[in-house]
Protein backbone atom coordinates (compact mmCIF):
# COMPACT_ATOMS: atom_id res chain seq x y z
CA MET A 1 -64.25 93.86 40.80
CA ARG A 2 -63.65 97.49 41.87
CA GLY A 3 -60.54 97.63 39.71
CA ALA A 4 -62.41 96.26 36.70
CA GLY A 5 -65.10 98.87 37.21
CA SER A 6 -62.50 101.61 37.26
CA ARG A 7 -61.04 100.37 34.00
CA ASP A 8 -64.49 100.36 32.42
CA GLU A 9 -64.97 103.94 33.51
CA ARG A 10 -61.69 104.95 31.93
CA HIS A 11 -62.87 103.42 28.62
CA THR A 12 -66.07 105.49 28.52
CA SER A 13 -66.65 109.16 28.03
CA ALA A 14 -68.11 111.32 30.70
CA ALA A 15 -71.37 111.80 28.82
CA GLY A 16 -73.75 108.92 29.40
CA GLY A 17 -71.08 106.23 29.39
CA GLN A 18 -70.70 106.46 25.61
CA LEU A 19 -67.49 105.35 23.91
CA ASN A 20 -65.66 107.38 21.31
CA ALA A 21 -64.89 105.80 17.94
CA LYS A 22 -61.45 104.51 18.94
CA GLN A 23 -62.69 103.09 22.23
CA LEU A 24 -65.61 101.35 20.55
CA SER A 25 -63.26 99.74 18.03
CA SER A 26 -61.12 98.47 20.91
CA HIS A 27 -64.12 97.05 22.76
CA ILE A 28 -65.30 95.24 19.61
CA SER A 29 -61.82 93.77 19.06
CA ASN A 30 -61.70 92.51 22.66
CA ALA A 31 -65.24 91.09 22.79
CA GLY A 32 -65.17 87.30 23.02
CA SER A 33 -68.75 86.21 22.37
CA ALA A 34 -71.80 86.95 20.27
CA ASP A 35 -73.56 88.24 23.40
CA ALA A 36 -70.77 90.71 24.13
CA LEU A 37 -70.65 91.94 20.52
CA LEU A 38 -74.40 92.41 20.22
CA THR A 39 -74.57 94.11 23.61
CA LEU A 40 -71.97 96.59 22.39
CA PHE A 41 -74.00 97.18 19.26
CA ALA A 42 -77.22 97.75 21.22
CA ALA A 43 -75.53 100.23 23.56
CA HIS A 44 -73.73 102.21 20.84
CA SER A 45 -75.80 101.68 17.67
CA THR A 46 -76.27 105.39 17.00
CA SER A 47 -72.52 106.07 17.07
CA LEU A 48 -71.61 103.00 15.00
CA ASN A 49 -69.68 103.79 11.82
CA HIS A 50 -68.91 101.61 8.81
CA ILE A 51 -65.61 100.41 10.28
CA HIS A 52 -67.31 99.33 13.50
CA ALA A 53 -70.00 97.49 11.51
CA ALA A 54 -67.40 95.65 9.42
CA ASN A 55 -65.50 94.61 12.55
CA LEU A 56 -68.70 93.46 14.25
CA TRP A 57 -69.65 91.25 11.30
CA ASN A 58 -66.12 89.88 11.05
CA LYS A 59 -66.11 88.94 14.73
CA LEU A 60 -69.68 87.60 14.70
CA GLY A 61 -68.78 85.26 11.85
CA LYS A 62 -66.46 83.44 14.24
CA GLN A 63 -68.97 83.09 17.09
CA ARG A 64 -71.79 80.68 17.83
CA ILE A 65 -75.01 82.38 16.80
CA GLU A 66 -78.22 81.27 18.48
CA ARG A 67 -81.88 81.88 17.81
CA ARG A 68 -82.15 84.38 20.66
CA HIS A 69 -79.69 86.62 18.80
CA GLU A 70 -81.90 87.01 15.73
CA GLU A 71 -83.66 90.26 16.73
CA ARG A 72 -80.44 92.15 17.41
CA LEU A 73 -78.80 90.69 14.31
CA GLU A 74 -81.65 92.04 12.21
CA GLN A 75 -81.18 95.45 13.85
CA LEU A 76 -77.47 95.27 12.98
CA VAL A 77 -78.36 94.37 9.38
CA GLN A 78 -80.58 97.45 9.09
CA ARG A 79 -77.94 99.72 10.63
CA THR A 80 -75.30 98.29 8.29
CA LEU A 81 -77.48 98.89 5.23
CA HIS A 82 -77.98 102.49 6.33
CA LEU A 83 -74.23 102.96 6.75
CA VAL A 84 -73.52 101.44 3.33
CA SER A 85 -76.05 103.72 1.68
CA SER A 86 -74.65 106.83 3.35
CA CYS A 87 -71.02 106.21 2.41
CA GLU A 88 -71.40 104.88 -1.15
CA ALA A 89 -70.51 108.11 -2.94
CA HIS A 90 -67.49 108.81 -0.72
CA CYS A 91 -66.27 105.18 -0.92
CA SER A 92 -66.60 105.12 -4.70
CA ARG A 93 -64.63 108.33 -5.09
CA VAL A 94 -61.82 107.26 -2.74
CA ILE A 95 -61.51 103.79 -4.30
CA SER A 96 -61.60 105.14 -7.85
CA ASP A 97 -58.85 107.67 -7.09
CA SER A 98 -56.69 105.01 -5.44
CA LEU A 99 -57.09 102.55 -8.32
CA ALA A 100 -56.30 105.26 -10.84
CA ARG A 101 -53.12 106.30 -9.01
CA ASP A 102 -51.67 102.86 -8.36
CA PRO A 103 -53.67 99.68 -9.18
CA SER A 104 -50.80 97.51 -7.90
CA ARG A 105 -51.60 98.59 -4.33
CA TRP A 106 -54.78 96.53 -4.55
CA GLY A 107 -54.12 92.78 -4.29
CA VAL A 108 -56.14 90.06 -6.00
CA VAL A 109 -58.35 89.50 -2.95
CA ASP A 110 -58.96 93.24 -2.56
CA ARG A 111 -59.93 93.66 -6.20
CA SER A 112 -62.17 90.58 -6.07
CA GLN A 113 -64.06 92.07 -3.15
CA LEU A 114 -64.36 95.38 -4.98
CA HIS A 115 -65.80 93.47 -7.93
CA GLN A 116 -68.45 91.91 -5.69
CA TRP A 117 -69.39 95.36 -4.41
CA GLN A 118 -69.65 96.66 -7.97
CA LEU A 119 -71.84 93.70 -8.91
CA TRP A 120 -74.16 94.50 -6.04
CA LEU A 121 -74.43 98.11 -7.18
CA SER A 122 -75.12 97.20 -10.80
CA LEU A 123 -77.42 94.21 -10.21
CA GLU A 124 -79.43 95.31 -7.20
CA ARG A 125 -79.27 99.08 -6.76
CA GLY A 126 -80.64 100.09 -10.15
CA ALA A 127 -80.19 103.67 -11.31
CA ASP A 128 -79.02 104.77 -7.86
CA GLY A 129 -76.19 102.24 -7.96
CA GLN A 130 -75.01 103.20 -11.44
CA GLN A 131 -73.71 106.57 -10.28
CA HIS A 132 -71.31 104.88 -7.86
CA LEU A 133 -69.74 102.47 -10.37
CA LEU A 134 -66.03 102.65 -11.07
CA SER A 135 -64.80 103.35 -14.58
CA GLU A 136 -65.06 100.55 -17.15
CA SER A 137 -61.30 99.90 -17.06
CA GLN A 138 -61.30 99.76 -13.26
CA ARG A 139 -64.26 97.36 -13.21
CA LYS A 140 -62.44 95.11 -15.67
CA LEU A 141 -59.34 95.17 -13.44
CA CYS A 142 -61.47 93.98 -10.52
CA CYS A 143 -63.39 91.40 -12.58
CA ASP A 144 -60.13 89.94 -13.91
CA ALA A 145 -58.95 89.45 -10.33
CA MET A 146 -62.17 87.59 -9.54
CA GLN A 147 -61.77 85.33 -12.56
CA ASP A 148 -58.12 84.62 -11.75
CA THR A 149 -59.00 83.15 -8.34
CA GLN A 150 -57.64 79.62 -8.05
CA VAL A 151 -60.28 76.87 -7.88
CA THR A 152 -59.77 73.50 -6.17
CA ILE A 153 -62.12 70.66 -7.07
CA SER A 154 -62.88 68.42 -4.08
CA GLU A 155 -63.74 64.74 -4.04
CA PHE A 156 -67.16 65.78 -2.79
CA GLN A 157 -67.67 67.89 -5.92
CA ARG A 158 -66.48 65.06 -8.17
CA SER A 159 -68.95 62.73 -6.49
CA VAL A 160 -71.85 65.12 -7.09
CA ALA A 161 -70.73 65.74 -10.68
CA ALA A 162 -70.67 62.02 -11.44
CA ALA A 163 -74.13 61.50 -9.97
CA LEU A 164 -75.49 64.56 -11.78
CA ALA A 165 -74.18 63.28 -15.12
CA ALA A 166 -76.28 60.15 -14.62
CA VAL A 167 -79.37 62.26 -13.97
CA GLN A 168 -79.06 65.01 -16.58
CA HIS A 169 -76.55 65.63 -19.34
CA GLY A 170 -75.03 68.98 -20.21
CA PHE A 171 -73.73 70.27 -16.89
CA GLU A 172 -70.29 71.88 -17.09
CA GLU A 173 -67.84 71.69 -14.20
CA GLU A 174 -66.30 74.99 -12.99
CA HIS A 175 -68.16 77.10 -15.51
CA LEU A 176 -66.85 80.68 -15.54
CA GLU A 177 -69.85 82.98 -15.44
CA PRO A 178 -68.74 85.98 -17.51
CA ARG A 179 -70.89 88.73 -16.02
CA THR A 180 -70.26 88.00 -12.34
CA GLY A 181 -66.81 86.43 -12.64
CA TYR A 182 -67.86 83.57 -10.38
CA SER A 183 -66.80 80.00 -11.10
CA LEU A 184 -69.89 77.80 -10.82
CA ASP A 185 -69.27 74.29 -9.47
CA LEU A 186 -71.68 72.73 -11.96
CA ALA A 187 -73.68 74.71 -14.48
CA LEU A 188 -76.17 74.25 -17.29
CA PRO A 189 -75.60 77.54 -19.14
CA SER A 190 -78.42 77.06 -21.66
CA SER A 191 -80.96 76.98 -18.81
CA ARG A 192 -78.97 79.17 -16.41
CA VAL A 193 -79.07 76.53 -13.69
CA ALA A 194 -76.15 76.35 -11.25
CA VAL A 195 -75.50 73.54 -8.77
CA GLU A 196 -73.24 74.64 -5.94
CA VAL A 197 -71.49 71.86 -4.02
CA ASP A 198 -71.26 73.28 -0.51
CA GLY A 199 -68.71 71.70 1.83
CA PRO A 200 -68.12 72.61 5.51
CA SER A 201 -66.27 75.84 4.65
CA HIS A 202 -69.51 77.26 3.23
CA PHE A 203 -71.32 77.14 6.57
CA LEU A 204 -71.24 78.64 10.03
CA LEU A 205 -70.85 76.42 13.07
CA PRO A 206 -74.08 74.67 14.15
CA ASP A 207 -76.45 76.86 16.16
CA GLY A 208 -78.22 75.83 19.36
CA ARG A 209 -80.59 73.60 17.38
CA GLY A 210 -77.77 71.96 15.44
CA VAL A 211 -78.63 73.86 12.24
CA ARG A 212 -75.76 74.94 9.99
CA LYS A 213 -76.51 78.16 8.13
CA PRO A 214 -74.59 79.36 5.05
CA ASN A 215 -71.84 81.88 5.77
CA GLY A 216 -71.57 85.38 4.31
CA PRO A 217 -69.50 84.66 1.17
CA THR A 218 -71.78 81.75 0.26
CA LEU A 219 -74.94 83.82 0.68
CA LEU A 220 -73.43 86.68 -1.33
CA LYS A 221 -72.50 84.39 -4.21
CA ARG A 222 -75.99 82.90 -4.35
CA ARG A 223 -77.59 86.32 -4.13
CA LEU A 224 -75.51 87.89 -6.90
CA LEU A 225 -75.95 84.89 -9.20
CA ARG A 226 -79.71 85.00 -8.72
CA ALA A 227 -79.68 88.73 -9.45
CA ALA A 228 -77.80 87.89 -12.67
CA GLY A 229 -80.57 85.50 -13.71
CA TRP A 230 -79.31 82.14 -12.46
CA ARG A 231 -81.28 79.51 -10.60
CA VAL A 232 -78.93 78.41 -7.81
CA ILE A 233 -79.27 74.95 -6.26
CA SER A 234 -77.24 74.05 -3.17
CA VAL A 235 -76.03 70.53 -2.36
CA PRO A 236 -74.91 70.70 1.30
CA PHE A 237 -72.31 68.18 2.43
CA TYR A 238 -74.36 67.06 5.44
CA GLU A 239 -77.30 66.07 3.21
CA TRP A 240 -75.13 64.37 0.58
CA ASN A 241 -73.28 62.33 3.19
CA GLY A 242 -76.57 60.99 4.48
CA PHE A 243 -77.19 58.92 1.36
CA ALA A 244 -75.86 55.36 1.31
CA THR A 245 -76.52 54.41 -2.31
CA ALA A 246 -76.18 55.90 -5.79
CA SER A 247 -79.91 55.47 -6.28
CA GLU A 248 -80.65 57.66 -3.26
CA ARG A 249 -78.32 60.35 -4.55
CA HIS A 250 -79.87 60.26 -8.03
CA THR A 251 -83.34 60.64 -6.55
CA TYR A 252 -82.15 63.54 -4.40
CA LEU A 253 -80.68 65.39 -7.40
CA GLN A 254 -83.78 64.77 -9.49
CA ARG A 255 -85.88 66.33 -6.75
CA LEU A 256 -83.61 69.39 -6.56
CA LEU A 257 -83.69 69.88 -10.33
CA GLY A 258 -87.42 69.30 -10.64
């Protein structure tokens, strides 16, 4: 134990046991639980930068999150939003310069993520977000990457599509939404209604109460689609698998669409 304490001391600065930026990044990378990650955040929240926040969220997405974590998670959300707001202008300038110099350095996944960020700025940040948008040609480059993402249709989705066709006509499968670049599992464009067929990969592991919450990419997709004027309906796999008959599934879909 004495040796471990000595190592801890070597990883902190002399002033108040605070870690410098590099040390904090190392501690986040080595943390093995949600408790350890959130304890790090609580102890060093004022010195947290945008890289630390991104690493924290990445690591937390792989941990079991329980109800007792909610207060600190909300504090991390607020700190993250503050960091995003403070670095928008700098990030926009750096990204724009990099894209202008050599677009090929940005892969499809990178450009797709940039597109999602640009959507958030344009759909949710109003006039303040407009000043941080990339050029029109750069936005198109990112949107094209989003639209080029390969889509795989699962048996689960085919099952929901077949049942939905029996309930209401007109839904299109894998509808490409032009403004956001998202492919909608099932969509009724005339009414701007989207039905998302959410398999296990769309959810976090069950929490202490056995509840499975949507993961970050799923929540972001729903949020941006709603901001673009779509009504988004989720069909979770664990609810769909609970129905034994076609009649039960039809009734379930009718209730969701009602």
